Protein backbone atom coordinates (compact mmCIF):
# COMPACT_ATOMS: atom_id res chain seq x y z
CA MET A 1 29.13 -8.90 -16.39
CA PRO A 2 28.69 -8.24 -12.31
CA SER A 3 29.04 -11.25 -9.91
CA ARG A 4 25.89 -13.11 -8.88
CA VAL A 5 25.01 -11.96 -5.08
CA SER A 6 23.09 -14.83 -2.91
CA PRO A 7 20.38 -13.46 -0.74
CA GLY A 8 21.38 -12.44 2.81
CA ILE A 9 18.17 -14.33 4.16
CA VAL A 10 16.14 -17.29 2.61
CA ASN A 11 13.49 -19.05 3.97
CA VAL A 12 11.72 -22.41 2.48
CA THR A 13 8.42 -23.52 4.39
CA ASP A 14 6.98 -27.00 3.22
CA PHE A 15 3.99 -29.30 5.16
CA VAL A 16 3.32 -32.88 6.00
CA ALA A 17 0.03 -34.20 7.03
CA ALA A 18 -0.61 -35.81 10.31
CA HIS A 19 0.31 -39.36 9.43
CA ALA A 20 3.71 -38.62 8.33
CA LYS A 21 6.68 -40.44 9.85
CA LYS A 22 8.83 -37.22 10.56
CA PHE A 23 5.90 -35.49 12.53
CA GLY A 24 5.75 -38.13 14.91
CA SER A 25 9.54 -38.31 15.14
CA TYR A 26 9.55 -34.55 15.91
CA ILE A 27 7.30 -35.04 18.59
CA ASN A 28 9.14 -37.92 19.92
CA TYR A 29 12.29 -35.84 20.11
CA ILE A 30 10.59 -32.50 21.52
CA ASP A 31 11.36 -33.45 25.41
CA ARG A 32 14.67 -35.26 24.54
CA ASP A 33 17.93 -33.45 25.42
CA GLU A 34 19.41 -31.22 22.69
CA ALA A 35 22.43 -33.36 21.85
CA ILE A 36 20.14 -35.99 21.12
CA ARG A 37 17.73 -33.82 19.38
CA ILE A 38 20.51 -32.69 16.80
CA ASP A 39 21.92 -36.06 16.61
CA HIS A 40 18.66 -37.34 15.06
CA PHE A 41 17.68 -33.99 13.29
CA ASP A 42 17.17 -35.61 9.93
CA GLN A 43 14.52 -37.79 11.26
CA GLN A 44 12.60 -34.60 12.26
CA ASN A 45 13.10 -32.40 9.84
CA ILE A 46 10.92 -32.63 6.33
CA LEU A 47 13.30 -30.10 4.20
CA SER A 48 15.84 -31.91 2.36
CA VAL A 49 17.92 -28.47 1.12
CA ASP A 50 17.96 -25.03 2.67
CA GLY A 51 16.94 -21.62 0.54
CA TYR A 52 21.07 -21.73 -0.63
CA ASN A 53 20.15 -25.29 -1.95
CA HIS A 54 22.69 -26.85 0.76
CA TYR A 55 21.76 -30.40 1.82
CA MET A 56 20.26 -29.79 5.35
CA GLU A 57 22.73 -31.79 7.68
CA ASN A 58 22.47 -32.40 11.13
CA PRO A 59 23.50 -29.13 13.28
CA LYS A 60 26.63 -29.01 15.29
CA LYS A 61 25.16 -27.09 17.68
CA SER A 62 21.93 -25.80 18.72
CA SER A 63 20.55 -23.08 21.23
CA GLY A 64 17.66 -25.29 22.30
CA ILE A 65 13.78 -25.10 21.63
CA PHE A 66 12.09 -21.33 22.33
CA THR A 67 8.40 -20.44 21.53
CA ASP A 68 6.39 -17.48 21.24
CA GLN A 69 6.45 -17.02 25.36
CA TYR A 70 9.93 -18.54 26.32
CA ASP A 71 13.36 -18.23 25.31
CA HIS A 72 14.44 -21.68 26.82
CA LEU A 73 11.75 -24.16 28.12
CA THR A 74 11.82 -26.22 31.21
CA PRO A 75 11.74 -29.84 31.50
CA THR A 76 7.92 -29.44 32.19
CA GLN A 77 7.46 -26.85 29.58
CA ARG A 78 8.91 -29.42 26.82
CA VAL A 79 6.50 -32.06 28.02
CA GLU A 80 3.65 -29.70 27.88
CA LEU A 81 4.68 -28.86 24.19
CA LYS A 82 4.81 -32.35 23.48
CA LYS A 83 1.41 -32.81 24.70
CA GLN A 84 -0.15 -30.17 22.40
CA PHE A 85 1.82 -31.32 19.33
CA THR A 86 0.49 -35.02 20.41
CA VAL A 87 -3.05 -33.08 20.28
CA ALA A 88 -2.69 -31.95 17.11
CA GLN A 89 -1.31 -35.02 15.13
CA LYS A 90 -4.48 -36.73 16.80
CA HIS A 91 -6.79 -34.33 15.60
CA GLN A 92 -5.57 -34.46 11.82
CA SER A 93 -3.33 -31.01 11.95
CA VAL A 94 -0.71 -30.20 9.16
CA MET A 95 2.75 -29.64 10.73
CA TRP A 96 4.58 -26.70 8.89
CA GLN A 97 8.21 -26.48 9.15
CA SER A 98 10.38 -23.39 7.95
CA VAL A 99 13.48 -22.77 7.89
CA PHE A 100 15.37 -19.05 7.80
CA SER A 101 19.17 -19.33 6.73
CA PHE A 102 21.60 -16.62 6.47
CA ARG A 103 24.86 -15.62 4.76
CA ASN A 104 27.11 -14.81 7.63
CA ASP A 105 28.72 -11.65 5.83
CA PHE A 106 24.63 -10.36 6.10
CA LEU A 107 24.43 -10.97 9.56
CA ALA A 108 28.11 -9.25 10.49
CA GLU A 109 26.80 -6.51 8.29
CA ASN A 110 23.93 -5.94 10.60
CA ASN A 111 25.62 -6.37 13.75
CA VAL A 112 23.98 -9.67 14.23
CA TYR A 113 26.95 -12.06 13.88
CA ASN A 114 30.75 -11.53 14.78
CA PRO A 115 33.00 -14.06 12.55
CA LYS A 116 36.06 -13.45 14.68
CA THR A 117 34.46 -14.43 17.94
CA LYS A 118 31.50 -16.42 16.47
CA GLN A 119 29.24 -14.54 18.85
CA LEU A 120 25.34 -14.61 17.56
CA ASP A 121 23.01 -12.22 18.83
CA GLU A 122 20.74 -15.03 19.22
CA ALA A 123 17.88 -12.68 21.25
CA LYS A 124 17.52 -10.61 17.98
CA LEU A 125 16.99 -13.85 16.00
CA ARG A 126 14.43 -14.95 18.34
CA ASP A 127 12.33 -11.90 18.38
CA ALA A 128 12.66 -11.84 14.70
CA THR A 129 11.09 -15.02 14.57
CA ARG A 130 8.29 -13.88 16.86
CA VAL A 131 7.24 -11.37 14.95
CA ALA A 132 7.41 -13.44 11.63
CA MET A 133 5.46 -15.86 13.07
CA ASN A 134 2.81 -13.28 14.18
CA ASP A 135 2.70 -12.22 10.63
CA PHE A 136 2.58 -15.80 9.05
CA THR A 137 -0.51 -17.10 11.72
CA GLY A 138 -2.21 -13.77 11.39
CA LYS A 139 -2.02 -14.11 7.56
CA MET A 140 -3.19 -17.62 7.36
CA GLY A 141 -6.21 -16.92 9.90
CA MET A 142 -4.32 -19.28 12.73
CA THR A 143 -3.82 -16.43 15.47
CA HIS A 144 -5.60 -18.22 17.84
CA SER A 145 -5.55 -21.99 16.73
CA ALA A 146 -1.71 -22.25 16.03
CA ILE A 147 1.19 -23.11 18.15
CA TRP A 148 5.12 -23.05 17.16
CA SER A 149 8.45 -23.77 18.68
CA ALA A 150 11.88 -22.94 17.10
CA ALA A 151 15.49 -23.71 17.79
CA ILE A 152 18.65 -22.01 16.18
CA HIS A 153 20.94 -24.21 14.63
CA ARG A 154 24.87 -23.76 13.67
CA ASN A 155 26.79 -25.66 11.53
CA THR A 156 30.55 -24.91 10.18
CA ASP A 157 29.54 -22.13 7.57
CA ASN A 158 25.58 -21.91 7.99
CA ILE A 159 23.44 -20.54 10.80
CA HIS A 160 19.55 -21.78 10.49
CA ILE A 161 16.33 -21.55 12.19
CA HIS A 162 14.23 -24.26 12.46
CA VAL A 163 10.10 -23.63 13.35
CA ALA A 164 7.76 -26.04 13.52
CA ILE A 165 3.72 -25.01 13.42
CA VAL A 166 0.72 -27.47 14.13
CA GLU A 167 -2.75 -26.56 15.20
CA PRO A 168 -4.23 -28.72 18.30
CA GLN A 169 -7.79 -27.67 17.46
CA PRO A 170 -7.27 -27.55 13.48
CA THR A 171 -9.07 -24.85 11.20
CA ARG A 172 -7.52 -25.99 7.75
CA GLU A 173 -10.06 -27.23 5.25
CA TRP A 174 -10.05 -30.83 3.92
CA LYS A 175 -9.04 -31.94 0.60
CA ARG A 176 -8.74 -35.23 -1.47
CA VAL A 177 -5.47 -36.02 -2.55
CA THR A 178 -3.76 -38.91 -4.19
CA VAL A 179 -0.80 -40.72 -2.13
CA GLU A 180 1.82 -42.99 -3.21
CA GLY A 181 2.18 -45.96 -1.10
CA LYS A 182 5.00 -48.17 0.00
CA HIS A 183 4.76 -50.23 -3.06
CA GLY A 184 4.48 -47.63 -5.66
CA GLU A 185 0.58 -47.92 -5.43
CA THR A 186 -1.44 -44.95 -5.34
CA TYR A 187 -4.50 -44.35 -3.67
CA GLN A 188 -6.87 -41.12 -2.52
CA GLU A 189 -7.21 -39.61 0.74
CA TRP A 190 -8.55 -36.67 2.75
CA GLN A 191 -6.04 -34.29 3.89
CA ARG A 192 -6.13 -31.03 5.58
CA LYS A 193 -4.93 -28.19 2.96
CA GLY A 194 -1.43 -27.21 4.12
CA TYR A 195 -0.46 -24.78 1.29
CA VAL A 196 1.12 -21.42 1.76
CA PRO A 197 0.49 -18.69 -0.88
CA LYS A 198 3.53 -16.95 -2.26
CA LYS A 199 2.40 -13.58 -0.91
CA ILE A 200 2.19 -14.82 2.61
CA LEU A 201 5.62 -16.49 2.50
CA ASN A 202 6.94 -12.98 0.90
CA HIS A 203 5.38 -10.93 3.84
CA PHE A 204 6.85 -14.03 6.45
CA LYS A 205 10.32 -13.09 5.41
CA ALA A 206 9.89 -9.35 5.25
CA ALA A 207 8.70 -9.41 8.89
CA PHE A 208 11.65 -11.28 9.81
CA ALA A 209 13.91 -8.97 7.97
CA ASN A 210 12.48 -5.96 9.05
CA GLU A 211 12.61 -6.87 13.03
CA MET A 212 16.17 -8.37 12.75
CA VAL A 213 17.79 -5.23 11.29
CA ASP A 214 15.36 -2.55 12.38
CA ARG A 215 14.63 -0.88 9.32
CA ASP A 216 11.70 1.05 11.20
CA ARG A 217 13.33 4.58 11.64
CA SER A 218 14.65 4.51 8.30
CA LEU A 219 11.45 3.59 6.63
CA ALA A 220 9.62 6.31 8.35
CA ARG A 221 12.01 9.04 7.87
CA ILE A 222 11.34 7.92 3.99
CA SER A 223 7.66 8.01 4.23
CA ASP A 224 7.68 11.34 6.27
CA LEU A 225 9.79 12.88 3.44
CA ILE A 226 7.47 11.79 0.94
CA ARG A 227 4.34 12.89 2.56
CA GLN A 228 5.30 16.00 4.42
CA ARG A 229 8.92 17.48 4.04
CA LEU A 230 9.02 17.67 0.27
CA GLN A 231 5.71 19.03 -0.42
CA PRO A 232 5.33 22.34 -0.19
CA ASP A 233 4.05 24.23 2.75
CA GLN A 234 0.65 25.63 0.95
CA ARG A 235 -1.06 24.03 -2.56
CA SER A 236 -1.53 27.81 -3.94
CA VAL A 237 2.38 28.06 -4.16
CA TRP A 238 2.50 26.16 -7.57
CA ARG A 239 0.87 29.07 -9.34
CA HIS A 240 3.61 31.41 -8.05
CA GLN A 241 6.66 29.64 -8.72
CA SER A 242 9.72 32.41 -10.26
CA SER A 243 10.86 29.38 -12.38
CA LEU A 244 10.06 30.33 -16.10
CA ASP A 245 10.22 26.95 -17.11
CA PHE A 246 7.69 26.02 -14.10
CA ALA A 247 4.89 28.86 -15.12
CA VAL A 248 5.32 27.92 -18.96
CA ARG A 249 4.23 24.29 -18.11
CA TYR A 250 1.91 25.28 -15.63
CA GLN A 251 -0.25 27.58 -17.96
CA GLU A 252 0.19 24.64 -20.76
CA LEU A 253 -1.75 22.36 -18.38
CA VAL A 254 -4.16 24.93 -17.74
CA LYS A 255 -5.27 25.09 -21.22
CA SER A 256 -4.92 21.50 -22.10
CA LEU A 257 -6.48 19.45 -19.52
CA SER A 258 -9.90 18.17 -19.54
CA ARG A 259 -12.91 20.06 -18.71
CA ASP A 260 -13.98 16.72 -16.75
CA ARG A 261 -12.17 17.60 -13.59
CA ARG A 262 -13.40 14.17 -12.08
CA LEU A 263 -10.22 12.97 -14.27
CA TRP A 264 -7.61 15.11 -12.61
CA LYS A 265 -6.20 12.25 -10.39
CA TYR A 266 -1.99 11.68 -11.07
CA ASN A 267 -2.88 7.73 -11.32
CA ASN A 268 -6.19 8.03 -13.54
CA ASN A 269 -5.28 7.03 -17.47
CA ALA A 270 -6.77 10.08 -18.53
CA MET A 271 -3.78 11.70 -17.24
CA LYS A 272 -0.93 9.68 -18.40
CA PRO A 273 0.00 11.92 -21.49
CA TYR A 274 0.44 14.67 -18.68
CA ARG A 275 2.67 12.53 -16.51
CA ASP A 276 5.75 13.76 -18.24
CA GLN A 277 5.09 17.13 -17.69
CA LEU A 278 3.68 16.87 -13.95
CA ASP A 279 6.91 15.08 -13.03
CA ALA A 280 9.14 17.40 -14.56
CA MET A 281 7.44 20.31 -12.54
CA SER A 282 7.95 18.32 -9.26
CA ARG A 283 11.81 17.90 -10.29
CA ASN A 284 11.88 21.70 -11.03
CA TYR A 285 10.68 22.46 -7.76
CA LEU A 286 12.49 19.58 -5.32
CA THR A 287 15.79 21.05 -6.80
CA ARG A 288 15.12 24.87 -6.37
CA CYS A 289 12.96 24.92 -3.20
CA LYS A 290 13.86 21.42 -1.34
CA PRO A 291 17.59 20.54 -2.11
CA GLU A 292 18.57 19.63 1.34
CA GLU A 293 15.21 17.60 1.86
CA LEU A 294 16.02 15.89 -1.37
CA GLY A 295 19.33 14.71 -0.87
CA GLU A 296 18.29 13.34 2.54
CA PHE A 297 15.38 11.25 0.52
CA LYS A 298 18.10 10.21 -2.37
CA GLN A 299 20.63 8.96 0.51
CA LEU A 300 17.91 6.87 2.38
CA LEU A 301 16.86 5.58 -0.54
CA ALA A 302 19.88 4.23 -2.01
CA GLN A 303 20.65 2.88 1.62
CA GLU A 304 17.26 0.93 1.63
CA THR A 305 17.85 -0.13 -1.78
CA ARG A 306 21.42 -1.52 -1.12
CA PHE A 307 19.94 -2.93 1.86
CA ARG A 308 17.12 -4.97 -0.20
CA GLU A 309 19.96 -5.99 -3.05
CA ALA A 310 21.66 -7.47 -0.03
CA LEU A 311 18.61 -9.20 1.50
CA TYR A 312 16.98 -10.60 -1.93
CA GLY A 313 20.61 -10.91 -3.73
CA SER A 314 20.69 -10.82 -7.80
CA GLY A 315 20.49 -13.14 -10.41
CA THR A 316 17.40 -14.87 -8.64
CA LYS A 317 13.62 -14.50 -8.89
CA GLU A 318 13.47 -11.90 -6.59
CA ALA A 319 16.35 -9.74 -7.90
CA ASN A 320 14.60 -6.95 -9.17
CA ARG A 321 12.52 -6.33 -5.70
CA ALA A 322 15.04 -3.95 -4.41
CA GLN A 323 14.72 -1.74 -7.78
CA ASP A 324 10.85 -2.36 -7.26
CA TYR A 325 10.92 -0.70 -3.94
CA THR A 326 13.12 2.37 -5.26
CA ASP A 327 10.81 2.80 -8.46
CA ASN A 328 7.60 2.70 -6.06
CA LYS A 329 8.66 5.17 -3.60
CA LEU A 330 9.81 7.55 -6.57
CA HIS A 331 6.22 7.14 -7.75
CA GLU A 332 4.54 7.82 -4.68
CA LEU A 333 6.36 10.98 -4.61
CA TYR A 334 5.54 12.17 -7.84
CA ALA A 335 2.16 11.07 -7.41
CA ARG A 336 1.43 13.17 -4.38
CA MET A 337 2.77 16.14 -5.70
CA GLY A 338 1.08 15.58 -9.14
CA ASN A 339 -2.14 15.78 -7.20
CA SER A 340 -1.15 18.70 -5.33
CA ILE A 341 -0.55 20.51 -8.79
CA LEU A 342 -3.52 19.25 -10.33
CA LYS A 343 -5.57 20.64 -7.31
CA ASP A 344 -4.02 23.98 -7.46
CA ILE A 345 -4.88 24.23 -11.52
CA SER A 346 -8.27 23.56 -10.38
CA ALA A 347 -8.77 26.01 -8.08
CA TYR A 348 -7.11 28.60 -10.55
CA ARG A 349 -9.12 27.83 -13.15
CA THR A 350 -12.45 28.19 -10.98
CA GLU A 351 -11.01 31.63 -10.04
CA GLN A 352 -10.44 32.50 -13.69
CA GLU A 353 -14.07 31.22 -14.46
CA ALA A 354 -15.58 33.38 -11.92
CA VAL A 355 -13.34 36.60 -12.83
CA SER A 356 -14.55 36.10 -16.76
CA GLN A 357 -18.16 35.73 -15.81
CA THR A 358 -18.32 38.85 -13.87
CA HIS A 359 -16.73 40.86 -16.66
CA HIS A 360 -18.44 39.11 -19.64
CA GLN A 361 -21.97 38.02 -18.15
CA PRO A 362 -24.88 40.06 -16.49
CA SER A 363 -25.11 39.16 -13.07
CA VAL A 364 -28.49 37.82 -11.59
CA ALA A 365 -29.03 41.44 -10.09
CA ASN A 366 -28.30 43.10 -13.29
CA HIS A 367 -30.92 41.00 -15.21
CA LEU A 368 -33.59 41.58 -12.82
CA ASN A 369 -32.61 45.31 -13.09
CA GLY A 370 -33.21 44.95 -16.46
CA LEU A 371 -36.30 43.18 -16.19
CA GLN A 372 -37.86 45.69 -13.89
CA LYS A 373 -37.01 48.25 -16.30
CA ILE A 374 -38.99 46.56 -18.98
CA PHE A 375 -41.74 46.14 -16.17
CA ASN A 376 -41.76 49.82 -15.23
CA ALA A 377 -41.81 51.03 -18.88
CA ASP A 378 -44.74 48.84 -19.73
CA ILE A 379 -46.59 50.44 -16.69
CA LYS A 380 -45.79 53.96 -18.14
CA ALA A 381 -46.72 53.10 -21.58
CA GLN A 382 -50.11 51.53 -20.66
CA ARG A 383 -50.81 54.72 -18.70
CA LEU A 384 -49.93 57.19 -21.33
CA ALA A 385 -52.37 54.49 -23.75
CA LYS A 386 -54.94 55.32 -21.18
CA ARG A 387 -54.52 58.71 -21.02
CA GLU A 388 -54.68 59.13 -24.68
CA TYR A 389 -57.57 56.75 -25.09
CA GLN A 390 -59.57 58.94 -22.42
CA ARG A 391 -58.59 62.00 -24.00
CA ARG A 392 -59.91 60.67 -27.80
CA GLN A 393 -62.96 59.30 -26.16
CA ALA A 394 -63.76 63.08 -24.83
CA ASP A 395 -63.31 64.55 -28.09
CA GLN A 396 -65.60 62.17 -29.77
CA ASP A 397 -67.92 62.60 -26.92
CA ARG A 398 -67.77 66.48 -27.70
CA GLU A 399 -68.14 65.91 -31.34
CA SER A 400 -71.34 64.12 -30.86
CA GLU A 401 -72.71 66.32 -28.67
CA LYS A 402 -72.20 69.35 -31.23
CA ASP A 403 -74.01 67.02 -34.03
CA LYS A 404 -76.64 66.73 -31.77
CA LYS A 405 -77.47 70.03 -31.10
CA LYS A 406 -76.95 71.11 -34.86
CA GLN A 407 -79.60 68.70 -35.84
CA GLU A 408 -81.98 69.98 -33.26
CA GLN A 409 -81.47 73.59 -34.49
CA GLN A 410 -82.23 72.67 -38.19
CA THR A 411 -85.35 70.64 -36.85
CA ARG A 412 -86.82 73.89 -35.20
CA PHE A 413 -86.12 75.98 -38.20
CA TYR A 414 -88.24 73.89 -40.40
């Protein structure tokens, strides 16, 4: 059984109401000397354990407060930050606290920490925090209302980043909550909502990790391979494949697909019986026609999967996220190729139907010519009938004239 691997990065986030004692303590220590701040860390911190279930002890060392704009605060800037947090508390803002914790070997593998020299790339951690905070405040709808401060803390075995977020002009809705008093009694009061959805927290952590490790180039290349490099140059290439297996499968789909082409979408449920067939055709094409690009795709996908396994760990609720990424990217590739094949089959069917109609059904022009012939024949028949009528009428008139003359002669004789 494989040993359990802890996540490379963990994040824990919680919040307290404006009247909470630790909210006030955090404010009180903002403008204090860093040594005093870390000695009284437990009075400001609302998170009892980090993501590894380690007790949050007072840090041995701190880099000092940084914000979205400044790497280090001057005494004047500390006083101004304290004023803003004080205004937020007076206006009944929630205070969120979030901590990012790391496995030292994960930081070392990604060139953020040197375990031999104990050197830490604090600039990279600050940049990652800023990117993550932009993502967090944006998704929480607090881009223009939230302010935050953070500090990098180091203990003997662990490195943490602590972040505190408030709104000087709060935007969170109010809700009625049950509160426990000092003597165990309960009562209800109005507090602003501080709950952060799990989806936002997942994005929060992912934004931090992607910036810290800089996966942009690798992710962009994977996307380019799926959308461009692994696809055929022309859609019509599908019907001209030299592989007998591919050609047989292609013709089977031509004959068996529904007449309703609106259903011809890879992800449509109506296509479920045909997906294995389409995937087999895609693999056939990639193996024969795009072996180098396919090899690069597999290599990059394996690297990204290993990174995500290290990031999310194993034996946790998020353990399957690395495999989910691989499965999703493979599905994206097969869906694009499958839709391309279906579009080509649709065009092929249209062409075959046009040829069939040309050979087996009279065209509109031919039909009109036939009608014209019938019409012309009718006119000719009418003319012949008229002539025959006129001839017979003339014969009848002559016979009548003869009978009349004969009768006159007989009358004279008597």
